[in-house]
Amino acid sequence: MLMKARALPLIILILAALLRRLPKSHPRYSLIEEEHCRRIAGHHGEESLDYYLRSLPHQNYFILHDLNLPDGEFICQIDTMIITPGCIYLIGVKHMAGELEFDTTLEQFLQTKDGQTKGYRCPVAQEQRHKAYVQELLAANHFPNVPIDFLITLTNPYCTFKVTGQNAHKVRPHVANRIFSSNDSNSLNRTIRLSASHKRTCANYPDC
């Protein structure tokens, strides 16, 4: 069941307004345009994930998109949270083309496209922080000790990825290339099976 729909992020509207008002000769125009395109692509990637999430059984899954939760002076931004009878999933979405590398030794996330390599914040570390935040939030509000897991989904069909480094074996299960692809029915079933597995695990927790 969809509990919170995804809306167009305010930052996209702000960047679009800036582009309409700034002359193209402005020294920062190209940087703003690049950021606007990047965020539009990310939003489209999140929407493509939403399409396949609709097929999850409504009675067993509660879906919340685009959460902005208070974390002291900061905001914890979660792309998608799925609450099941046995666990909570935190899903981070990346809609990026080219070759992507998750370097688990240096905790780097690299994109190589058109012969150029760029570095970004490590999504694995980000989702781990989100997991810790949700665990603390549940404990602070006296909720049961529910298992929490995270997935990083790569929604762009024109990307390849690899997980490297000394912790690759730990990170690889949390990265999925087009996990909800319409061409792979097993991908969605994989999530359902994971949920069932966590439900059995939850039975081992006395306060679940």
N, C-alpha and C. Protein backbone atom coordinates (compact mmCIF):
# COMPACT_ATOMS: atom_id res chain seq x y z
N MET A 1 0.84 -1.19 0.00
CA MET A 1 0.00 0.00 0.00
C MET A 1 0.89 1.25 0.00
N LEU A 2 0.58 2.16 -0.88
CA LEU A 2 1.34 3.39 -0.96
C LEU A 2 0.89 4.34 0.13
N MET A 3 1.78 4.63 1.08
CA MET A 3 1.45 5.50 2.19
C MET A 3 1.90 6.94 1.95
N LYS A 4 2.96 7.11 1.16
CA LYS A 4 3.46 8.46 0.85
C LYS A 4 3.99 8.46 -0.57
N ALA A 5 3.36 9.26 -1.41
CA ALA A 5 3.75 9.33 -2.82
C ALA A 5 5.01 10.19 -2.99
N ARG A 6 5.63 10.03 -4.13
CA ARG A 6 6.83 10.81 -4.44
C ARG A 6 6.44 12.09 -5.18
N ALA A 7 6.97 13.20 -4.73
CA ALA A 7 6.70 14.49 -5.36
C ALA A 7 7.96 15.01 -6.03
N LEU A 8 7.79 15.95 -6.95
CA LEU A 8 8.94 16.57 -7.59
C LEU A 8 9.70 17.38 -6.55
N PRO A 9 10.99 17.09 -6.34
CA PRO A 9 11.75 17.79 -5.29
C PRO A 9 11.79 19.29 -5.52
N LEU A 10 11.72 20.03 -4.43
CA LEU A 10 11.73 21.49 -4.50
C LEU A 10 13.00 22.01 -5.16
N ILE A 11 14.13 21.34 -4.93
CA ILE A 11 15.39 21.81 -5.48
C ILE A 11 15.36 21.81 -7.01
N ILE A 12 14.62 20.89 -7.62
CA ILE A 12 14.51 20.86 -9.08
C ILE A 12 13.76 22.10 -9.56
N LEU A 13 12.71 22.47 -8.86
CA LEU A 13 11.95 23.66 -9.23
C LEU A 13 12.79 24.92 -9.06
N ILE A 14 13.60 24.95 -8.00
CA ILE A 14 14.46 26.11 -7.76
C ILE A 14 15.51 26.25 -8.85
N LEU A 15 16.15 25.12 -9.21
CA LEU A 15 17.17 25.16 -10.26
C LEU A 15 16.56 25.55 -11.60
N ALA A 16 15.36 25.05 -11.89
CA ALA A 16 14.69 25.40 -13.14
C ALA A 16 14.39 26.90 -13.19
N ALA A 17 13.98 27.45 -12.05
CA ALA A 17 13.69 28.89 -11.99
C ALA A 17 14.97 29.70 -12.20
N LEU A 18 16.08 29.24 -11.64
CA LEU A 18 17.35 29.92 -11.83
C LEU A 18 17.76 29.92 -13.30
N LEU A 19 17.58 28.79 -13.96
CA LEU A 19 17.96 28.68 -15.37
C LEU A 19 17.12 29.60 -16.25
N ARG A 20 15.86 29.80 -15.87
CA ARG A 20 15.00 30.69 -16.65
C ARG A 20 15.43 32.15 -16.49
N ARG A 21 15.99 32.50 -15.36
CA ARG A 21 16.30 33.89 -15.06
C ARG A 21 17.74 34.29 -15.37
N LEU A 22 18.63 33.33 -15.34
CA LEU A 22 20.04 33.66 -15.59
C LEU A 22 20.35 33.66 -17.08
N PRO A 23 21.15 34.59 -17.54
CA PRO A 23 21.61 34.53 -18.95
C PRO A 23 22.58 33.37 -19.12
N LYS A 24 22.62 32.79 -20.29
CA LYS A 24 23.50 31.65 -20.53
C LYS A 24 24.97 32.04 -20.42
N SER A 25 25.26 33.33 -20.48
CA SER A 25 26.64 33.80 -20.35
C SER A 25 27.08 33.88 -18.89
N HIS A 26 26.16 33.63 -17.96
CA HIS A 26 26.52 33.70 -16.54
C HIS A 26 27.57 32.63 -16.22
N PRO A 27 28.59 32.97 -15.43
CA PRO A 27 29.69 32.02 -15.18
C PRO A 27 29.26 30.73 -14.50
N ARG A 28 28.13 30.74 -13.82
CA ARG A 28 27.68 29.53 -13.13
C ARG A 28 26.52 28.84 -13.83
N TYR A 29 26.15 29.33 -15.00
CA TYR A 29 24.99 28.76 -15.69
C TYR A 29 25.19 27.28 -16.00
N SER A 30 26.35 26.92 -16.53
CA SER A 30 26.59 25.53 -16.93
C SER A 30 26.58 24.60 -15.72
N LEU A 31 27.09 25.08 -14.58
CA LEU A 31 27.10 24.26 -13.37
C LEU A 31 25.67 24.02 -12.87
N ILE A 32 24.86 25.07 -12.91
CA ILE A 32 23.46 24.94 -12.47
C ILE A 32 22.69 24.03 -13.43
N GLU A 33 22.96 24.16 -14.71
CA GLU A 33 22.29 23.33 -15.70
C GLU A 33 22.67 21.85 -15.51
N GLU A 34 23.94 21.59 -15.24
CA GLU A 34 24.39 20.21 -15.01
C GLU A 34 23.74 19.62 -13.77
N GLU A 35 23.66 20.40 -12.71
CA GLU A 35 23.03 19.93 -11.47
C GLU A 35 21.54 19.68 -11.68
N HIS A 36 20.90 20.55 -12.44
CA HIS A 36 19.47 20.39 -12.73
C HIS A 36 19.23 19.10 -13.51
N CYS A 37 20.05 18.85 -14.54
CA CYS A 37 19.91 17.63 -15.33
C CYS A 37 20.16 16.39 -14.49
N ARG A 38 21.15 16.45 -13.59
CA ARG A 38 21.48 15.32 -12.74
C ARG A 38 20.32 14.98 -11.81
N ARG A 39 19.71 16.02 -11.26
CA ARG A 39 18.60 15.77 -10.32
C ARG A 39 17.35 15.32 -11.05
N ILE A 40 17.11 15.82 -12.26
CA ILE A 40 15.98 15.36 -13.06
C ILE A 40 16.15 13.88 -13.38
N ALA A 41 17.36 13.47 -13.77
CA ALA A 41 17.62 12.07 -14.07
C ALA A 41 17.40 11.20 -12.84
N GLY A 42 17.85 11.68 -11.68
CA GLY A 42 17.65 10.93 -10.45
C GLY A 42 16.18 10.76 -10.12
N HIS A 43 15.41 11.81 -10.33
CA HIS A 43 13.97 11.74 -10.06
C HIS A 43 13.30 10.76 -11.01
N HIS A 44 13.69 10.76 -12.27
CA HIS A 44 13.12 9.81 -13.24
C HIS A 44 13.48 8.38 -12.85
N GLY A 45 14.69 8.18 -12.35
CA GLY A 45 15.07 6.86 -11.90
C GLY A 45 14.21 6.38 -10.75
N GLU A 46 13.93 7.27 -9.80
CA GLU A 46 13.08 6.92 -8.68
C GLU A 46 11.67 6.59 -9.16
N GLU A 47 11.17 7.34 -10.15
CA GLU A 47 9.83 7.08 -10.68
C GLU A 47 9.79 5.73 -11.39
N SER A 48 10.87 5.36 -12.07
CA SER A 48 10.88 4.06 -12.74
C SER A 48 10.85 2.92 -11.74
N LEU A 49 11.46 3.11 -10.59
CA LEU A 49 11.38 2.11 -9.52
C LEU A 49 9.96 2.03 -8.98
N ASP A 50 9.32 3.17 -8.81
CA ASP A 50 7.96 3.21 -8.26
C ASP A 50 6.99 2.38 -9.09
N TYR A 51 7.21 2.37 -10.40
CA TYR A 51 6.30 1.64 -11.29
C TYR A 51 6.24 0.16 -10.92
N TYR A 52 7.39 -0.44 -10.64
CA TYR A 52 7.43 -1.87 -10.34
C TYR A 52 7.04 -2.17 -8.90
N LEU A 53 7.20 -1.20 -8.02
CA LEU A 53 6.79 -1.42 -6.64
C LEU A 53 5.28 -1.54 -6.52
N ARG A 54 4.55 -1.06 -7.52
CA ARG A 54 3.09 -1.13 -7.45
C ARG A 54 2.58 -2.55 -7.43
N SER A 55 3.38 -3.51 -7.93
CA SER A 55 2.92 -4.89 -8.01
C SER A 55 3.10 -5.66 -6.69
N LEU A 56 3.70 -5.03 -5.69
CA LEU A 56 3.82 -5.69 -4.39
C LEU A 56 2.44 -5.83 -3.75
N PRO A 57 2.19 -6.93 -3.05
CA PRO A 57 0.88 -7.12 -2.40
C PRO A 57 0.55 -5.98 -1.44
N HIS A 58 -0.57 -5.33 -1.65
CA HIS A 58 -0.91 -4.15 -0.86
C HIS A 58 -1.08 -4.46 0.62
N GLN A 59 -1.56 -5.65 0.92
CA GLN A 59 -1.85 -5.95 2.31
C GLN A 59 -0.60 -6.24 3.13
N ASN A 60 0.54 -6.49 2.47
CA ASN A 60 1.75 -6.87 3.19
C ASN A 60 2.86 -5.82 3.14
N TYR A 61 2.72 -4.81 2.28
CA TYR A 61 3.80 -3.86 2.08
C TYR A 61 3.27 -2.43 2.20
N PHE A 62 3.93 -1.65 3.04
CA PHE A 62 3.61 -0.23 3.16
C PHE A 62 4.80 0.55 2.59
N ILE A 63 4.53 1.36 1.57
CA ILE A 63 5.59 2.03 0.81
C ILE A 63 5.53 3.54 1.08
N LEU A 64 6.68 4.08 1.46
CA LEU A 64 6.79 5.52 1.69
C LEU A 64 7.96 6.05 0.86
N HIS A 65 7.67 7.03 0.02
CA HIS A 65 8.69 7.61 -0.85
C HIS A 65 9.15 8.97 -0.32
N ASP A 66 10.40 9.28 -0.64
CA ASP A 66 10.93 10.63 -0.43
C ASP A 66 10.71 11.13 0.99
N LEU A 67 11.30 10.40 1.94
CA LEU A 67 11.16 10.78 3.35
C LEU A 67 12.26 11.77 3.73
N ASN A 68 11.88 12.82 4.45
CA ASN A 68 12.83 13.78 5.01
C ASN A 68 12.59 13.82 6.51
N LEU A 69 13.41 13.08 7.25
CA LEU A 69 13.20 12.92 8.68
C LEU A 69 14.19 13.77 9.48
N PRO A 70 13.75 14.41 10.54
CA PRO A 70 14.66 15.28 11.31
C PRO A 70 15.73 14.46 12.01
N ASP A 71 16.96 14.96 11.92
CA ASP A 71 18.11 14.31 12.56
C ASP A 71 18.96 15.40 13.20
N GLY A 72 18.48 15.92 14.33
CA GLY A 72 19.16 17.04 14.96
C GLY A 72 19.06 18.29 14.09
N GLU A 73 20.21 18.84 13.73
CA GLU A 73 20.23 20.02 12.86
C GLU A 73 20.18 19.64 11.39
N PHE A 74 20.14 18.34 11.10
CA PHE A 74 20.19 17.87 9.72
C PHE A 74 18.91 17.14 9.36
N ILE A 75 18.85 16.69 8.11
CA ILE A 75 17.71 15.94 7.60
C ILE A 75 18.20 14.60 7.07
N CYS A 76 17.52 13.53 7.45
CA CYS A 76 17.81 12.20 6.90
C CYS A 76 16.87 11.97 5.72
N GLN A 77 17.44 11.96 4.52
CA GLN A 77 16.63 11.84 3.30
C GLN A 77 16.70 10.41 2.79
N ILE A 78 15.55 9.72 2.79
CA ILE A 78 15.46 8.33 2.36
C ILE A 78 14.62 8.26 1.09
N ASP A 79 15.19 7.68 0.03
CA ASP A 79 14.48 7.61 -1.25
C ASP A 79 13.17 6.83 -1.11
N THR A 80 13.26 5.61 -0.58
CA THR A 80 12.07 4.77 -0.43
C THR A 80 12.23 3.88 0.79
N MET A 81 11.17 3.79 1.58
CA MET A 81 11.12 2.86 2.70
C MET A 81 9.96 1.90 2.46
N ILE A 82 10.23 0.61 2.62
CA ILE A 82 9.20 -0.41 2.49
C ILE A 82 9.09 -1.14 3.82
N ILE A 83 7.91 -1.10 4.41
CA ILE A 83 7.65 -1.76 5.69
C ILE A 83 6.87 -3.04 5.41
N THR A 84 7.43 -4.17 5.81
CA THR A 84 6.80 -5.47 5.60
C THR A 84 6.47 -6.08 6.96
N PRO A 85 5.75 -7.19 7.00
CA PRO A 85 5.45 -7.82 8.30
C PRO A 85 6.69 -8.25 9.06
N GLY A 86 7.80 -8.48 8.35
CA GLY A 86 8.97 -9.02 9.02
C GLY A 86 10.18 -8.12 9.07
N CYS A 87 10.21 -7.04 8.28
CA CYS A 87 11.40 -6.20 8.25
C CYS A 87 11.08 -4.86 7.60
N ILE A 88 12.06 -4.00 7.61
CA ILE A 88 11.98 -2.70 6.94
C ILE A 88 13.10 -2.63 5.91
N TYR A 89 12.75 -2.24 4.69
CA TYR A 89 13.74 -2.04 3.64
C TYR A 89 13.95 -0.56 3.40
N LEU A 90 15.21 -0.16 3.29
CA LEU A 90 15.56 1.19 2.87
C LEU A 90 16.18 1.08 1.48
N ILE A 91 15.60 1.74 0.50
CA ILE A 91 16.05 1.61 -0.88
C ILE A 91 16.61 2.95 -1.36
N GLY A 92 17.87 2.93 -1.76
CA GLY A 92 18.49 4.08 -2.38
C GLY A 92 18.54 3.88 -3.88
N VAL A 93 18.20 4.90 -4.64
CA VAL A 93 18.09 4.78 -6.09
C VAL A 93 19.19 5.60 -6.77
N LYS A 94 19.88 4.98 -7.72
CA LYS A 94 20.88 5.67 -8.53
C LYS A 94 20.53 5.46 -10.00
N HIS A 95 20.32 6.58 -10.70
CA HIS A 95 19.97 6.52 -12.12
C HIS A 95 21.12 7.14 -12.92
N MET A 96 22.19 6.37 -13.05
CA MET A 96 23.42 6.89 -13.65
C MET A 96 23.87 5.96 -14.77
N ALA A 97 24.36 6.55 -15.85
CA ALA A 97 24.85 5.77 -16.98
C ALA A 97 26.36 5.57 -16.84
N GLY A 98 26.91 4.74 -17.73
CA GLY A 98 28.35 4.51 -17.73
C GLY A 98 28.74 3.32 -16.86
N GLU A 99 30.00 3.29 -16.49
CA GLU A 99 30.51 2.22 -15.62
C GLU A 99 30.62 2.75 -14.20
N LEU A 100 29.98 2.06 -13.28
CA LEU A 100 29.95 2.49 -11.88
C LEU A 100 30.79 1.53 -11.05
N GLU A 101 31.54 2.07 -10.13
CA GLU A 101 32.38 1.25 -9.27
C GLU A 101 32.15 1.60 -7.81
N PHE A 102 31.85 0.57 -7.02
CA PHE A 102 31.75 0.71 -5.58
C PHE A 102 33.07 0.20 -5.00
N ASP A 103 33.92 1.12 -4.58
CA ASP A 103 35.21 0.77 -4.00
C ASP A 103 35.03 0.66 -2.49
N THR A 104 35.03 -0.57 -1.99
CA THR A 104 34.72 -0.78 -0.58
C THR A 104 35.92 -0.57 0.32
N THR A 105 37.11 -0.48 -0.25
CA THR A 105 38.30 -0.23 0.56
C THR A 105 38.41 1.25 0.90
N LEU A 106 38.28 2.10 -0.12
CA LEU A 106 38.39 3.54 0.09
C LEU A 106 37.03 4.21 0.32
N GLU A 107 35.95 3.40 0.26
CA GLU A 107 34.59 3.91 0.40
C GLU A 107 34.33 5.03 -0.61
N GLN A 108 34.60 4.71 -1.87
CA GLN A 108 34.38 5.65 -2.96
C GLN A 108 33.34 5.09 -3.92
N PHE A 109 32.62 5.99 -4.57
CA PHE A 109 31.67 5.63 -5.61
C PHE A 109 32.07 6.40 -6.86
N LEU A 110 32.48 5.67 -7.90
CA LEU A 110 33.04 6.29 -9.09
C LEU A 110 32.16 6.01 -10.31
N GLN A 111 32.04 7.02 -11.15
CA GLN A 111 31.33 6.89 -12.43
C GLN A 111 32.29 7.23 -13.56
N THR A 112 32.44 6.29 -14.50
CA THR A 112 33.25 6.54 -15.69
C THR A 112 32.33 6.57 -16.90
N LYS A 113 32.33 7.72 -17.57
CA LYS A 113 31.44 7.92 -18.72
C LYS A 113 32.13 8.84 -19.71
N ASP A 114 32.12 8.44 -20.99
CA ASP A 114 32.73 9.24 -22.05
C ASP A 114 34.20 9.55 -21.74
N GLY A 115 34.88 8.58 -21.15
CA GLY A 115 36.29 8.72 -20.87
C GLY A 115 36.63 9.55 -19.65
N GLN A 116 35.63 10.02 -18.93
CA GLN A 116 35.87 10.83 -17.74
C GLN A 116 35.36 10.10 -16.49
N THR A 117 36.11 10.23 -15.41
CA THR A 117 35.74 9.58 -14.15
C THR A 117 35.42 10.64 -13.12
N LYS A 118 34.27 10.47 -12.45
CA LYS A 118 33.85 11.39 -11.40
C LYS A 118 33.60 10.60 -10.12
N GLY A 119 33.85 11.24 -9.00
CA GLY A 119 33.60 10.63 -7.71
C GLY A 119 32.38 11.23 -7.04
N TYR A 120 31.63 10.40 -6.33
CA TYR A 120 30.44 10.84 -5.61
C TYR A 120 30.46 10.27 -4.19
N ARG A 121 29.54 10.76 -3.38
CA ARG A 121 29.40 10.20 -2.04
C ARG A 121 29.06 8.72 -2.13
N CYS A 122 29.65 7.94 -1.25
CA CYS A 122 29.44 6.50 -1.29
C CYS A 122 28.00 6.16 -0.86
N PRO A 123 27.19 5.60 -1.76
CA PRO A 123 25.80 5.29 -1.39
C PRO A 123 25.69 4.19 -0.35
N VAL A 124 26.69 3.30 -0.30
CA VAL A 124 26.66 2.23 0.70
C VAL A 124 26.78 2.83 2.10
N ALA A 125 27.76 3.70 2.29
CA ALA A 125 27.93 4.36 3.58
C ALA A 125 26.69 5.19 3.94
N GLN A 126 26.10 5.81 2.93
CA GLN A 126 24.91 6.63 3.16
C GLN A 126 23.75 5.77 3.65
N GLU A 127 23.52 4.62 2.99
CA GLU A 127 22.41 3.75 3.40
C GLU A 127 22.69 3.11 4.75
N GLN A 128 23.95 2.86 5.07
CA GLN A 128 24.28 2.34 6.40
C GLN A 128 23.95 3.36 7.48
N ARG A 129 24.21 4.63 7.19
CA ARG A 129 23.83 5.69 8.14
C ARG A 129 22.32 5.77 8.29
N HIS A 130 21.60 5.63 7.17
CA HIS A 130 20.14 5.64 7.22
C HIS A 130 19.63 4.48 8.08
N LYS A 131 20.23 3.32 7.91
CA LYS A 131 19.83 2.15 8.70
C LYS A 131 20.02 2.41 10.19
N ALA A 132 21.19 2.95 10.56
CA ALA A 132 21.46 3.25 11.96
C ALA A 132 20.47 4.29 12.49
N TYR A 133 20.14 5.27 11.66
CA TYR A 133 19.21 6.31 12.07
C TYR A 133 17.83 5.72 12.36
N VAL A 134 17.33 4.87 11.45
CA VAL A 134 16.00 4.28 11.64
C VAL A 134 15.99 3.37 12.87
N GLN A 135 17.06 2.63 13.09
CA GLN A 135 17.15 1.79 14.29
C GLN A 135 17.05 2.63 15.55
N GLU A 136 17.77 3.75 15.60
CA GLU A 136 17.72 4.63 16.77
C GLU A 136 16.34 5.27 16.91
N LEU A 137 15.72 5.62 15.78
CA LEU A 137 14.40 6.24 15.82
C LEU A 137 13.36 5.28 16.38
N LEU A 138 13.41 4.02 15.95
CA LEU A 138 12.47 3.02 16.45
C LEU A 138 12.67 2.77 17.94
N ALA A 139 13.93 2.67 18.35
CA ALA A 139 14.23 2.43 19.76
C ALA A 139 13.77 3.60 20.62
N ALA A 140 13.99 4.82 20.14
CA ALA A 140 13.60 6.01 20.91
C ALA A 140 12.09 6.11 21.09
N ASN A 141 11.34 5.53 20.15
CA ASN A 141 9.88 5.58 20.23
C ASN A 141 9.29 4.26 20.70
N HIS A 142 10.14 3.39 21.27
CA HIS A 142 9.72 2.15 21.94
C HIS A 142 9.02 1.17 20.99
N PHE A 143 9.51 1.12 19.75
CA PHE A 143 9.01 0.13 18.81
C PHE A 143 9.81 -1.17 18.96
N PRO A 144 9.23 -2.30 18.53
CA PRO A 144 9.96 -3.57 18.61
C PRO A 144 11.25 -3.54 17.81
N ASN A 145 12.14 -4.43 18.14
CA ASN A 145 13.43 -4.55 17.46
C ASN A 145 13.23 -5.25 16.13
N VAL A 146 12.92 -4.48 15.09
CA VAL A 146 12.60 -5.03 13.77
C VAL A 146 13.86 -5.07 12.91
N PRO A 147 14.11 -6.18 12.20
CA PRO A 147 15.27 -6.21 11.29
C PRO A 147 15.15 -5.14 10.20
N ILE A 148 16.26 -4.49 9.89
CA ILE A 148 16.30 -3.46 8.86
C ILE A 148 17.40 -3.81 7.86
N ASP A 149 17.08 -3.73 6.59
CA ASP A 149 18.06 -4.00 5.55
C ASP A 149 17.98 -2.88 4.51
N PHE A 150 19.00 -2.78 3.66
CA PHE A 150 18.97 -1.75 2.62
C PHE A 150 19.40 -2.33 1.29
N LEU A 151 18.91 -1.71 0.23
CA LEU A 151 19.27 -2.07 -1.13
C LEU A 151 19.59 -0.79 -1.90
N ILE A 152 20.60 -0.87 -2.75
CA ILE A 152 20.92 0.22 -3.67
C ILE A 152 20.55 -0.27 -5.06
N THR A 153 19.59 0.37 -5.68
CA THR A 153 19.11 -0.07 -6.99
C THR A 153 19.63 0.86 -8.08
N LEU A 154 20.13 0.27 -9.14
CA LEU A 154 20.64 1.02 -10.29
C LEU A 154 19.60 0.91 -11.39
N THR A 155 18.89 2.00 -11.63
CA THR A 155 17.72 1.95 -12.50
C THR A 155 18.02 2.29 -13.96
N ASN A 156 19.21 2.77 -14.25
CA ASN A 156 19.54 3.12 -15.64
C ASN A 156 19.96 1.86 -16.40
N PRO A 157 19.25 1.51 -17.48
CA PRO A 157 19.61 0.30 -18.23
C PRO A 157 20.94 0.43 -18.97
N TYR A 158 21.49 1.64 -19.06
CA TYR A 158 22.74 1.86 -19.79
C TYR A 158 23.92 2.00 -18.83
N CYS A 159 23.91 1.21 -17.79
CA CYS A 159 25.04 1.24 -16.86
C CYS A 159 25.51 -0.17 -16.57
N THR A 160 26.78 -0.28 -16.24
CA THR A 160 27.34 -1.51 -15.71
C THR A 160 27.97 -1.15 -14.36
N PHE A 161 28.18 -2.14 -13.53
CA PHE A 161 28.77 -1.82 -12.24
C PHE A 161 29.64 -2.95 -11.75
N LYS A 162 30.53 -2.61 -10.85
CA LYS A 162 31.37 -3.60 -10.19
C LYS A 162 31.59 -3.16 -8.76
N VAL A 163 31.78 -4.15 -7.90
CA VAL A 163 32.06 -3.89 -6.49
C VAL A 163 33.46 -4.41 -6.22
N THR A 164 34.34 -3.53 -5.78
CA THR A 164 35.73 -3.90 -5.60
C THR A 164 36.16 -3.65 -4.15
N GLY A 165 37.35 -4.12 -3.82
CA GLY A 165 37.91 -3.84 -2.49
C GLY A 165 37.75 -5.00 -1.52
N GLN A 166 38.30 -4.81 -0.35
CA GLN A 166 38.37 -5.89 0.63
C GLN A 166 37.02 -6.27 1.23
N ASN A 167 36.05 -5.37 1.15
CA ASN A 167 34.72 -5.67 1.70
C ASN A 167 33.68 -5.90 0.61
N ALA A 168 34.13 -6.24 -0.59
CA ALA A 168 33.21 -6.43 -1.71
C ALA A 168 32.17 -7.51 -1.42
N HIS A 169 32.57 -8.58 -0.74
CA HIS A 169 31.66 -9.69 -0.46
C HIS A 169 30.53 -9.27 0.49
N LYS A 170 30.79 -8.23 1.30
CA LYS A 170 29.75 -7.75 2.20
C LYS A 170 28.79 -6.78 1.51
N VAL A 171 29.33 -6.01 0.58
CA VAL A 171 28.53 -4.96 -0.06
C VAL A 171 27.73 -5.49 -1.25
N ARG A 172 28.31 -6.45 -1.97
CA ARG A 172 27.68 -6.92 -3.22
C ARG A 172 26.21 -7.33 -3.06
N PRO A 173 25.80 -8.01 -2.00
CA PRO A 173 24.38 -8.38 -1.87
C PRO A 173 23.44 -7.19 -1.74
N HIS A 174 23.99 -6.02 -1.43
CA HIS A 174 23.15 -4.84 -1.23
C HIS A 174 23.04 -3.97 -2.48
N VAL A 175 23.67 -4.38 -3.59
CA VAL A 175 23.64 -3.61 -4.82
C VAL A 175 22.95 -4.44 -5.89
N ALA A 176 21.96 -3.86 -6.54
CA ALA A 176 21.20 -4.60 -7.54
C ALA A 176 21.04 -3.76 -8.80
N ASN A 177 21.37 -4.34 -9.92
CA ASN A 177 21.23 -3.66 -11.20
C ASN A 177 19.85 -3.94 -11.76
N ARG A 178 19.01 -2.92 -11.76
CA ARG A 178 17.64 -3.03 -12.26
C ARG A 178 16.90 -4.17 -11.56
N ILE A 179 16.88 -4.10 -10.23
CA ILE A 179 16.27 -5.18 -9.46
C ILE A 179 14.79 -5.34 -9.78
N PHE A 180 14.14 -4.27 -10.21
CA PHE A 180 12.73 -4.35 -10.52
C PHE A 180 12.49 -4.30 -12.03
N SER A 181 13.45 -4.79 -12.81
CA SER A 181 13.32 -4.76 -14.26
C SER A 181 12.13 -5.60 -14.71
N SER A 182 11.37 -5.08 -15.67
CA SER A 182 10.22 -5.82 -16.19
C SER A 182 10.66 -7.06 -16.96
N ASN A 183 11.93 -7.11 -17.37
CA ASN A 183 12.42 -8.25 -18.12
C ASN A 183 12.91 -9.38 -17.21
N ASP A 184 12.87 -9.19 -15.91
CA ASP A 184 13.39 -10.19 -14.98
C ASP A 184 12.41 -10.35 -13.85
N SER A 185 11.50 -11.31 -14.00
CA SER A 185 10.48 -11.51 -12.99
C SER A 185 11.08 -11.98 -11.67
N ASN A 186 12.24 -12.62 -11.72
CA ASN A 186 12.85 -13.10 -10.49
C ASN A 186 13.36 -11.97 -9.62
N SER A 187 13.58 -10.79 -10.22
CA SER A 187 14.13 -9.69 -9.44
C SER A 187 13.15 -9.25 -8.36
N LEU A 188 11.89 -9.09 -8.72
CA LEU A 188 10.90 -8.70 -7.73
C LEU A 188 10.65 -9.83 -6.75
N ASN A 189 10.64 -11.06 -7.25
CA ASN A 189 10.47 -12.21 -6.37
C ASN A 189 11.59 -12.30 -5.35
N ARG A 190 12.79 -11.84 -5.75
CA ARG A 190 13.93 -11.86 -4.83
C ARG A 190 13.64 -11.01 -3.61
N THR A 191 13.05 -9.84 -3.83
CA THR A 191 12.71 -8.97 -2.71
C THR A 191 11.66 -9.63 -1.82
N ILE A 192 10.68 -10.28 -2.43
CA ILE A 192 9.64 -10.95 -1.66
C ILE A 192 10.23 -12.08 -0.83
N ARG A 193 11.16 -12.82 -1.44
CA ARG A 193 11.79 -13.92 -0.70
C ARG A 193 12.63 -13.38 0.46
N LEU A 194 13.33 -12.27 0.22
CA LEU A 194 14.11 -11.66 1.29
C LEU A 194 13.21 -11.24 2.45
N SER A 195 12.04 -10.71 2.10
CA SER A 195 11.11 -10.29 3.14
C SER A 195 10.65 -11.49 3.96
N ALA A 196 10.33 -12.59 3.28
CA ALA A 196 9.89 -13.79 3.98
C ALA A 196 10.99 -14.32 4.89
N SER A 197 12.23 -14.24 4.40
CA SER A 197 13.37 -14.70 5.20
C SER A 197 13.51 -13.86 6.45
N HIS A 198 13.37 -12.53 6.30
CA HIS A 198 13.47 -11.65 7.46
C HIS A 198 12.31 -11.88 8.42
N LYS A 199 11.16 -12.26 7.88
CA LYS A 199 10.02 -12.51 8.76
C LYS A 199 10.30 -13.70 9.65
N ARG A 200 10.95 -14.73 9.09
CA ARG A 200 11.31 -15.88 9.89
C ARG A 200 12.38 -15.49 10.92
N THR A 201 13.31 -14.63 10.50
CA THR A 201 14.34 -14.17 11.43
C THR A 201 13.72 -13.39 12.58
N CYS A 202 12.72 -12.60 12.25
CA CYS A 202 12.09 -11.77 13.27
C CYS A 202 11.45 -12.61 14.37
N ALA A 203 11.05 -13.83 14.03
CA ALA A 203 10.43 -14.70 15.02
C ALA A 203 11.39 -15.03 16.15
N ASN A 204 12.69 -14.85 15.89
CA ASN A 204 13.69 -15.12 16.92
C ASN A 204 13.85 -13.97 17.91
N TYR A 205 13.23 -12.82 17.58
CA TYR A 205 13.33 -11.67 18.47
C TYR A 205 12.13 -11.70 19.43
N PRO A 206 12.35 -11.74 20.73
CA PRO A 206 11.23 -11.89 21.68
C PRO A 206 10.27 -10.73 21.66
N ASP A 207 10.71 -9.54 21.26
CA ASP A 207 9.80 -8.39 21.30
C ASP A 207 9.26 -8.03 19.94
N CYS A 208 9.38 -8.93 18.95
CA CYS A 208 8.80 -8.67 17.63
C CYS A 208 7.35 -9.14 17.60
